[in-house]
PDB file of N, CA and C in Angstrom:
ATOM      1  N   MET A   1     -14.776 -11.865  -3.231  1.00  0.00           N
ATOM      2  CA  MET A   1     -13.829 -12.674  -3.582  1.00  0.00           C
ATOM      3  C   MET A   1     -12.435 -12.077  -3.239  1.00  0.00           C
ATOM      4  N   GLY A   2     -12.251 -10.740  -3.393  1.00  0.00           N
ATOM      5  CA  GLY A   2     -11.008 -10.121  -3.075  1.00  0.00           C
ATOM      6  C   GLY A   2     -10.697 -10.190  -1.615  1.00  0.00           C
ATOM      7  N   ILE A   3     -11.723 -10.012  -0.727  1.00  0.00           N
ATOM      8  CA  ILE A   3     -11.538 -10.143   0.638  1.00  0.00           C
ATOM      9  C   ILE A   3     -11.116 -11.557   1.096  1.00  0.00           C
ATOM     10  N   ALA A   4     -11.795 -12.538   0.465  1.00  0.00           N
ATOM     11  CA  ALA A   4     -11.332 -13.910   0.858  1.00  0.00           C
ATOM     12  C   ALA A   4      -9.830 -14.266   0.526  1.00  0.00           C
ATOM     13  N   ALA A   5      -9.573 -13.799  -0.710  1.00  0.00           N
ATOM     14  CA  ALA A   5      -8.121 -13.893  -1.145  1.00  0.00           C
ATOM     15  C   ALA A   5      -7.222 -13.300  -0.221  1.00  0.00           C
ATOM     16  N   LEU A   6      -7.423 -12.089   0.283  1.00  0.00           N
ATOM     17  CA  LEU A   6      -6.621 -11.316   1.249  1.00  0.00           C
ATOM     18  C   LEU A   6      -6.547 -12.152   2.555  1.00  0.00           C
ATOM     19  N   GLY A   7      -7.666 -12.784   2.902  1.00  0.00           N
ATOM     20  CA  GLY A   7      -7.651 -13.533   4.261  1.00  0.00           C
ATOM     21  C   GLY A   7      -6.781 -14.745   4.043  1.00  0.00           C
ATOM     22  N   LEU A   8      -6.712 -15.323   2.950  1.00  0.00           N
ATOM     23  CA  LEU A   8      -5.814 -16.518   2.651  1.00  0.00           C
ATOM     24  C   LEU A   8      -4.289 -16.141   2.770  1.00  0.00           C
ATOM     25  N   VAL A   9      -3.992 -15.131   2.170  1.00  0.00           N
ATOM     26  CA  VAL A   9      -2.750 -14.580   2.167  1.00  0.00           C
ATOM     27  C   VAL A   9      -2.217 -14.095   3.634  1.00  0.00           C
ATOM     28  N   SER A  10      -3.129 -13.522   4.272  1.00  0.00           N
ATOM     29  CA  SER A  10      -2.751 -13.189   5.667  1.00  0.00           C
ATOM     30  C   SER A  10      -2.663 -14.377   6.518  1.00  0.00           C
ATOM     31  N   THR A  11      -3.399 -15.422   6.355  1.00  0.00           N
ATOM     32  CA  THR A  11      -3.190 -16.564   7.222  1.00  0.00           C
ATOM     33  C   THR A  11      -1.791 -17.332   6.861  1.00  0.00           C
ATOM     34  N   ALA A  12      -1.585 -17.405   5.614  1.00  0.00           N
ATOM     35  CA  ALA A  12      -0.294 -18.072   5.210  1.00  0.00           C
ATOM     36  C   ALA A  12       0.761 -17.341   5.691  1.00  0.00           C
ATOM     37  N   ALA A  13       0.856 -16.023   5.760  1.00  0.00           N
ATOM     38  CA  ALA A  13       1.927 -15.231   6.348  1.00  0.00           C
ATOM     39  C   ALA A  13       2.016 -15.432   7.744  1.00  0.00           C
ATOM     40  N   LEU A  14       1.054 -15.564   8.443  1.00  0.00           N
ATOM     41  CA  LEU A  14       0.986 -15.717   9.886  1.00  0.00           C
ATOM     42  C   LEU A  14       1.580 -17.177  10.213  1.00  0.00           C
ATOM     43  N   ALA A  15       1.236 -18.113   9.425  1.00  0.00           N
ATOM     44  CA  ALA A  15       1.528 -19.357   9.631  1.00  0.00           C
ATOM     45  C   ALA A  15       3.048 -19.754   9.706  1.00  0.00           C
ATOM     46  N   GLU A  16       3.818 -18.827   8.832  1.00  0.00           N
ATOM     47  CA  GLU A  16       5.138 -19.031   8.621  1.00  0.00           C
ATOM     48  C   GLU A  16       5.883 -18.345   9.833  1.00  0.00           C
ATOM     49  N   GLN A  17       6.790 -18.942  10.404  1.00  0.00           N
ATOM     50  CA  GLN A  17       7.727 -18.435  11.444  1.00  0.00           C
ATOM     51  C   GLN A  17       9.145 -18.511  11.060  1.00  0.00           C
ATOM     52  N   ASN A  18       9.749 -17.288  11.321  1.00  0.00           N
ATOM     53  CA  ASN A  18      11.314 -17.144  11.162  1.00  0.00           C
ATOM     54  C   ASN A  18      11.855 -17.320  12.460  1.00  0.00           C
ATOM     55  N   MET A  19      12.917 -18.139  12.585  1.00  0.00           N
ATOM     56  CA  MET A  19      13.583 -18.457  13.693  1.00  0.00           C
ATOM     57  C   MET A  19      15.178 -18.673  13.496  1.00  0.00           C
ATOM     58  N   SER A  20      15.947 -18.744  14.613  1.00  0.00           N
ATOM     59  CA  SER A  20      17.360 -19.111  14.405  1.00  0.00           C
ATOM     60  C   SER A  20      17.722 -19.993  15.546  1.00  0.00           C
ATOM     61  N   GLY A  21      18.780 -20.761  15.393  1.00  0.00           N
ATOM     62  CA  GLY A  21      19.200 -21.740  16.290  1.00  0.00           C
ATOM     63  C   GLY A  21      20.553 -22.393  15.843  1.00  0.00           C
ATOM     64  N   MET A  22      20.998 -23.457  16.634  1.00  0.00           N
ATOM     65  CA  MET A  22      22.091 -24.245  16.383  1.00  0.00           C
ATOM     66  C   MET A  22      21.783 -25.690  16.008  1.00  0.00           C
ATOM     67  N   VAL A  23      22.269 -26.194  14.920  1.00  0.00           N
ATOM     68  CA  VAL A  23      21.785 -27.496  14.523  1.00  0.00           C
ATOM     69  C   VAL A  23      22.599 -28.458  15.531  1.00  0.00           C
ATOM     70  N   THR A  24      21.836 -29.455  16.018  1.00  0.00           N
ATOM     71  CA  THR A  24      22.378 -30.331  16.914  1.00  0.00           C
ATOM     72  C   THR A  24      22.506 -31.867  16.271  1.00  0.00           C
ATOM     73  N   GLN A  25      21.603 -32.083  15.394  1.00  0.00           N
ATOM     74  CA  GLN A  25      21.585 -33.333  14.741  1.00  0.00           C
ATOM     75  C   GLN A  25      20.956 -33.256  13.354  1.00  0.00           C
ATOM     76  N   ILE A  26      21.466 -34.089  12.384  1.00  0.00           N
ATOM     77  CA  ILE A  26      20.748 -34.148  11.066  1.00  0.00           C
ATOM     78  C   ILE A  26      20.576 -35.603  10.744  1.00  0.00           C
ATOM     79  N   ASP A  27      19.487 -36.115  10.288  1.00  0.00           N
ATOM     80  CA  ASP A  27      19.174 -37.399   9.713  1.00  0.00           C
ATOM     81  C   ASP A  27      18.743 -37.288   8.312  1.00  0.00           C
ATOM     82  N   ARG A  28      19.667 -37.399   7.462  1.00  0.00           N
ATOM     83  CA  ARG A  28      19.483 -37.189   6.015  1.00  0.00           C
ATOM     84  C   ARG A  28      18.610 -38.221   5.529  1.00  0.00           C
ATOM     85  N   LEU A  29      18.560 -39.452   6.024  1.00  0.00           N
ATOM     86  CA  LEU A  29      17.785 -40.658   5.493  1.00  0.00           C
ATOM     87  C   LEU A  29      16.223 -40.318   5.922  1.00  0.00           C
ATOM     88  N   LYS A  30      15.952 -39.801   7.046  1.00  0.00           N
ATOM     89  CA  LYS A  30      14.646 -39.407   7.406  1.00  0.00           C
ATOM     90  C   LYS A  30      14.208 -38.108   6.925  1.00  0.00           C
ATOM     91  N   GLY A  31      15.146 -37.303   6.519  1.00  0.00           N
ATOM     92  CA  GLY A  31      14.803 -35.899   6.162  1.00  0.00           C
ATOM     93  C   GLY A  31      14.448 -35.028   7.271  1.00  0.00           C
ATOM     94  N   THR A  32      15.016 -35.180   8.484  1.00  0.00           N
ATOM     95  CA  THR A  32      14.861 -34.434   9.645  1.00  0.00           C
ATOM     96  C   THR A  32      16.061 -33.682  10.091  1.00  0.00           C
ATOM     97  N   ILE A  33      15.918 -32.559  10.998  1.00  0.00           N
ATOM     98  CA  ILE A  33      17.124 -31.846  11.471  1.00  0.00           C
ATOM     99  C   ILE A  33      16.434 -31.377  12.850  1.00  0.00           C
ATOM    100  N   THR A  34      17.586 -31.564  13.891  1.00  0.00           N
ATOM    101  CA  THR A  34      17.161 -31.089  15.238  1.00  0.00           C
ATOM    102  C   THR A  34      17.953 -29.888  15.361  1.00  0.00           C
ATOM    103  N   ILE A  35      17.226 -28.824  15.946  1.00  0.00           N
ATOM    104  CA  ILE A  35      17.784 -27.337  16.132  1.00  0.00           C
ATOM    105  C   ILE A  35      17.489 -27.004  17.588  1.00  0.00           C
ATOM    106  N   GLN A  36      18.437 -26.483  18.181  1.00  0.00           N
ATOM    107  CA  GLN A  36      18.330 -25.884  19.491  1.00  0.00           C
ATOM    108  C   GLN A  36      18.087 -24.383  19.177  1.00  0.00           C
ATOM    109  N   GLN A  37      16.869 -23.927  19.454  1.00  0.00           N
ATOM    110  CA  GLN A  37      16.540 -22.592  19.148  1.00  0.00           C
ATOM    111  C   GLN A  37      17.062 -21.545  20.131  1.00  0.00           C
ATOM    112  N   MET A  38      17.621 -20.495  19.541  1.00  0.00           N
ATOM    113  CA  MET A  38      18.100 -19.380  20.409  1.00  0.00           C
ATOM    114  C   MET A  38      17.035 -18.714  21.066  1.00  0.00           C
ATOM    115  N   PRO A  39      17.209 -18.641  22.344  1.00  0.00           N
ATOM    116  CA  PRO A  39      16.209 -17.770  23.157  1.00  0.00           C
ATOM    117  C   PRO A  39      16.187 -16.324  22.792  1.00  0.00           C
ATOM    118  N   SER A  40      15.013 -15.769  22.669  1.00  0.00           N
ATOM    119  CA  SER A  40      14.914 -14.310  22.398  1.00  0.00           C
ATOM    120  C   SER A  40      14.575 -13.497  23.596  1.00  0.00           C
ATOM    121  N   GLY A  41      15.077 -12.335  23.570  1.00  0.00           N
ATOM    122  CA  GLY A  41      14.843 -11.530  24.832  1.00  0.00           C
ATOM    123  C   GLY A  41      16.079 -11.346  25.739  1.00  0.00           C
ATOM    124  N   THR A  42      16.098 -11.720  26.901  1.00  0.00           N
ATOM    125  CA  THR A  42      16.968 -11.590  27.932  1.00  0.00           C
ATOM    126  C   THR A  42      18.502 -12.019  27.474  1.00  0.00           C
ATOM    127  N   VAL A  43      19.356 -10.949  27.500  1.00  0.00           N
ATOM    128  CA  VAL A  43      20.760 -11.209  27.298  1.00  0.00           C
ATOM    129  C   VAL A  43      21.244 -12.226  28.456  1.00  0.00           C
ATOM    130  N   GLY A  44      22.156 -13.076  28.218  1.00  0.00           N
ATOM    131  CA  GLY A  44      22.659 -13.948  29.186  1.00  0.00           C
ATOM    132  C   GLY A  44      21.900 -15.169  29.498  1.00  0.00           C
ATOM    133  N   THR A  45      20.668 -15.417  28.932  1.00  0.00           N
ATOM    134  CA  THR A  45      20.027 -16.584  29.144  1.00  0.00           C
ATOM    135  C   THR A  45      20.762 -17.726  28.333  1.00  0.00           C
ATOM    136  N   SER A  46      20.648 -18.964  28.860  1.00  0.00           N
ATOM    137  CA  SER A  46      21.404 -20.073  28.196  1.00  0.00           C
ATOM    138  C   SER A  46      20.342 -21.081  27.804  1.00  0.00           C
ATOM    139  N   GLY A  47      20.606 -21.737  26.820  1.00  0.00           N
ATOM    140  CA  GLY A  47      19.704 -22.876  26.268  1.00  0.00           C
ATOM    141  C   GLY A  47      18.678 -22.321  25.614  1.00  0.00           C
ATOM    142  N   GLY A  48      17.956 -23.288  25.038  1.00  0.00           N
ATOM    143  CA  GLY A  48      16.732 -22.988  24.277  1.00  0.00           C
ATOM    144  C   GLY A  48      16.012 -24.236  23.967  1.00  0.00           C
ATOM    145  N   VAL A  49      14.839 -24.203  23.382  1.00  0.00           N
ATOM    146  CA  VAL A  49      14.023 -25.402  23.042  1.00  0.00           C
ATOM    147  C   VAL A  49      14.763 -26.136  21.909  1.00  0.00           C
ATOM    148  N   VAL A  50      14.934 -27.398  22.161  1.00  0.00           N
ATOM    149  CA  VAL A  50      15.511 -28.285  21.153  1.00  0.00           C
ATOM    150  C   VAL A  50      14.269 -29.014  20.456  1.00  0.00           C
ATOM    151  N   GLN A  51      14.256 -29.001  19.100  1.00  0.00           N
ATOM    152  CA  GLN A  51      13.032 -29.380  18.349  1.00  0.00           C
ATOM    153  C   GLN A  51      13.529 -30.156  17.238  1.00  0.00           C
ATOM    154  N   GLU A  52      12.838 -31.252  16.756  1.00  0.00           N
ATOM    155  CA  GLU A  52      13.170 -31.825  15.451  1.00  0.00           C
ATOM    156  C   GLU A  52      12.191 -31.314  14.578  1.00  0.00           C
ATOM    157  N   PHE A  53      12.634 -31.158  13.259  1.00  0.00           N
ATOM    158  CA  PHE A  53      11.712 -30.608  12.290  1.00  0.00           C
ATOM    159  C   PHE A  53      11.875 -31.505  11.033  1.00  0.00           C
ATOM    160  N   LYS A  54      10.948 -31.625  10.341  1.00  0.00           N
ATOM    161  CA  LYS A  54      10.848 -32.291   8.961  1.00  0.00           C
ATOM    162  C   LYS A  54      11.412 -31.245   8.084  1.00  0.00           C
ATOM    163  N   VAL A  55      12.131 -31.628   6.925  1.00  0.00           N
ATOM    164  CA  VAL A  55      12.622 -30.718   5.918  1.00  0.00           C
ATOM    165  C   VAL A  55      11.767 -31.055   4.635  1.00  0.00           C
ATOM    166  N   GLY A  56      11.268 -29.873   3.986  1.00  0.00           N
ATOM    167  CA  GLY A  56      10.483 -30.105   2.815  1.00  0.00           C
ATOM    168  C   GLY A  56      11.216 -30.604   1.605  1.00  0.00           C
ATOM    169  N   ASN A  57      12.507 -30.163   1.500  1.00  0.00           N
ATOM    170  CA  ASN A  57      13.323 -30.453   0.385  1.00  0.00           C
ATOM    171  C   ASN A  57      14.784 -30.908   0.996  1.00  0.00           C
ATOM    172  N   GLY A  58      14.982 -32.312   0.929  1.00  0.00           N
ATOM    173  CA  GLY A  58      16.162 -32.863   1.607  1.00  0.00           C
ATOM    174  C   GLY A  58      17.458 -32.254   1.040  1.00  0.00           C
ATOM    175  N   GLY A  59      17.397 -31.608  -0.251  1.00  0.00           N
ATOM    176  CA  GLY A  59      18.567 -30.899  -0.651  1.00  0.00           C
ATOM    177  C   GLY A  59      19.014 -29.769   0.021  1.00  0.00           C
ATOM    178  N   MET A  60      18.185 -29.185   0.826  1.00  0.00           N
ATOM    179  CA  MET A  60      18.500 -27.944   1.645  1.00  0.00           C
ATOM    180  C   MET A  60      19.350 -28.444   2.739  1.00  0.00           C
ATOM    181  N   LEU A  61      19.643 -29.635   3.004  1.00  0.00           N
ATOM    182  CA  LEU A  61      20.442 -30.183   4.191  1.00  0.00           C
ATOM    183  C   LEU A  61      21.891 -30.353   3.758  1.00  0.00           C
ATOM    184  N   GLU A  62      22.153 -30.377   2.433  1.00  0.00           N
ATOM    185  CA  GLU A  62      23.496 -30.647   1.966  1.00  0.00           C
ATOM    186  C   GLU A  62      24.560 -29.826   2.523  1.00  0.00           C
ATOM    187  N   PRO A  63      24.370 -28.445   2.601  1.00  0.00           N
ATOM    188  CA  PRO A  63      25.466 -27.525   3.170  1.00  0.00           C
ATOM    189  C   PRO A  63      25.444 -27.414   4.698  1.00  0.00           C
ATOM    190  N   ILE A  64      24.588 -27.964   5.349  1.00  0.00           N
ATOM    191  CA  ILE A  64      24.352 -27.858   6.866  1.00  0.00           C
ATOM    192  C   ILE A  64      24.910 -29.045   7.549  1.00  0.00           C
ATOM    193  N   HIS A  65      25.641 -28.679   8.642  1.00  0.00           N
ATOM    194  CA  HIS A  65      26.193 -29.657   9.595  1.00  0.00           C
ATOM    195  C   HIS A  65      25.935 -29.531  10.942  1.00  0.00           C
ATOM    196  N   ALA A  66      26.081 -30.464  11.847  1.00  0.00           N
ATOM    197  CA  ALA A  66      25.838 -30.228  13.258  1.00  0.00           C
ATOM    198  C   ALA A  66      26.825 -29.309  13.737  1.00  0.00           C
ATOM    199  N   GLY A  67      26.360 -28.462  14.603  1.00  0.00           N
ATOM    200  CA  GLY A  67      27.096 -27.362  15.152  1.00  0.00           C
ATOM    201  C   GLY A  67      26.967 -25.913  14.394  1.00  0.00           C
ATOM    202  N   ASP A  68      26.352 -25.908  13.183  1.00  0.00           N
ATOM    203  CA  ASP A  68      26.267 -24.726  12.477  1.00  0.00           C
ATOM    204  C   ASP A  68      25.064 -23.899  13.051  1.00  0.00           C
ATOM    205  N   LYS A  69      25.258 -22.649  12.974  1.00  0.00           N
ATOM    206  CA  LYS A  69      24.115 -21.764  13.378  1.00  0.00           C
ATOM    207  C   LYS A  69      23.390 -21.394  12.149  1.00  0.00           C
ATOM    208  N   VAL A  70      22.059 -21.500  12.196  1.00  0.00           N
ATOM    209  CA  VAL A  70      21.249 -21.211  11.067  1.00  0.00           C
ATOM    210  C   VAL A  70      20.032 -20.285  11.361  1.00  0.00           C
ATOM    211  N   LYS A  71      19.646 -19.738  10.289  1.00  0.00           N
ATOM    212  CA  LYS A  71      18.286 -19.065  10.459  1.00  0.00           C
ATOM    213  C   LYS A  71      17.389 -19.895   9.428  1.00  0.00           C
ATOM    214  N   PHE A  72      16.254 -19.894   9.889  1.00  0.00           N
ATOM    215  CA  PHE A  72      15.228 -20.832   9.169  1.00  0.00           C
ATOM    216  C   PHE A  72      13.839 -20.477   9.272  1.00  0.00           C
ATOM    217  N   SER A  73      12.831 -20.802   8.556  1.00  0.00           N
ATOM    218  CA  SER A  73      11.549 -20.628   8.594  1.00  0.00           C
ATOM    219  C   SER A  73      10.752 -21.849   8.421  1.00  0.00           C
ATOM    220  N   THR A  74       9.667 -21.976   9.084  1.00  0.00           N
ATOM    221  CA  THR A  74       8.866 -23.236   9.176  1.00  0.00           C
ATOM    222  C   THR A  74       7.493 -22.812   8.876  1.00  0.00           C
ATOM    223  N   THR A  75       6.792 -23.947   8.371  1.00  0.00           N
ATOM    224  CA  THR A  75       5.259 -23.883   8.199  1.00  0.00           C
ATOM    225  C   THR A  75       4.750 -25.181   8.801  1.00  0.00           C
ATOM    226  N   GLU A  76       3.458 -25.254   8.978  1.00  0.00           N
ATOM    227  CA  GLU A  76       2.902 -26.458   9.532  1.00  0.00           C
ATOM    228  C   GLU A  76       2.555 -27.368   8.344  1.00  0.00           C
ATOM    229  N   SER A  77       2.907 -28.600   8.394  1.00  0.00           N
ATOM    230  CA  SER A  77       2.603 -29.587   7.327  1.00  0.00           C
ATOM    231  C   SER A  77       2.276 -30.920   7.884  1.00  0.00           C
ATOM    232  N   SER A  78       1.004 -31.368   7.606  1.00  0.00           N
ATOM    233  CA  SER A  78       0.606 -32.489   8.215  1.00  0.00           C
ATOM    234  C   SER A  78       0.670 -32.598   9.676  1.00  0.00           C
ATOM    235  N   GLY A  79       0.292 -31.460  10.349  1.00  0.00           N
ATOM    236  CA  GLY A  79       0.406 -31.280  11.786  1.00  0.00           C
ATOM    237  C   GLY A  79       1.705 -31.252  12.407  1.00  0.00           C
ATOM    238  N   ARG A  80       2.794 -30.939  11.579  1.00  0.00           N
ATOM    239  CA  ARG A  80       4.028 -31.081  12.090  1.00  0.00           C
ATOM    240  C   ARG A  80       4.920 -30.038  11.523  1.00  0.00           C
ATOM    241  N   PRO A  81       5.776 -29.248  12.355  1.00  0.00           N
ATOM    242  CA  PRO A  81       6.608 -28.127  11.679  1.00  0.00           C
ATOM    243  C   PRO A  81       7.500 -28.670  10.715  1.00  0.00           C
ATOM    244  N   THR A  82       7.537 -27.872   9.626  1.00  0.00           N
ATOM    245  CA  THR A  82       8.380 -28.401   8.467  1.00  0.00           C
ATOM    246  C   THR A  82       9.117 -27.065   7.978  1.00  0.00           C
ATOM    247  N   ILE A  83      10.529 -27.306   7.958  1.00  0.00           N
ATOM    248  CA  ILE A  83      11.425 -26.236   7.458  1.00  0.00           C
ATOM    249  C   ILE A  83      11.137 -26.053   5.948  1.00  0.00           C
ATOM    250  N   ASP A  84      10.956 -24.918   5.535  1.00  0.00           N
ATOM    251  CA  ASP A  84      10.758 -24.625   4.116  1.00  0.00           C
ATOM    252  C   ASP A  84      11.972 -23.709   3.582  1.00  0.00           C
ATOM    253  N   LYS A  85      12.721 -23.159   4.577  1.00  0.00           N
ATOM    254  CA  LYS A  85      13.801 -22.229   4.111  1.00  0.00           C
ATOM    255  C   LYS A  85      14.831 -22.316   5.241  1.00  0.00           C
ATOM    256  N   ILE A  86      16.180 -22.634   4.949  1.00  0.00           N
ATOM    257  CA  ILE A  86      17.295 -22.698   5.991  1.00  0.00           C
ATOM    258  C   ILE A  86      18.484 -22.103   5.383  1.00  0.00           C
ATOM    259  N   GLU A  87      19.251 -21.343   6.121  1.00  0.00           N
ATOM    260  CA  GLU A  87      20.623 -20.850   5.621  1.00  0.00           C
ATOM    261  C   GLU A  87      21.569 -20.825   6.892  1.00  0.00           C
ATOM    262  N   LYS A  88      22.844 -20.938   6.597  1.00  0.00           N
ATOM    263  CA  LYS A  88      23.730 -20.783   7.582  1.00  0.00           C
ATOM    264  C   LYS A  88      24.032 -19.330   7.971  1.00  0.00           C
ATOM    265  N   GLN A  89      24.238 -19.002   9.235  1.00  0.00           N
ATOM    266  CA  GLN A  89      24.598 -17.688   9.587  1.00  0.00           C
ATOM    267  C   GLN A  89      26.117 -17.322   9.497  1.00  0.00           C
TER     268      GLN A  89
END
């Protein structure tokens, strides 16, 4: 039983992803946010993947505006990446 519980914790930790990017759009009615992710690695690279995320708790979007740089973490919910934590940088 202890091994099974450890396996579940490890899987949950692997499923969560920590990222950073710039907010390009917020739709408070739909509870979504679009973020251009910052590329990792090579200095001087421009652009990054632009992706729309569902937000688990709409109240998290209150202090966030388009153009803000943010750090956020996502998990998979109903087959879609969902932000469970977000903060301005």
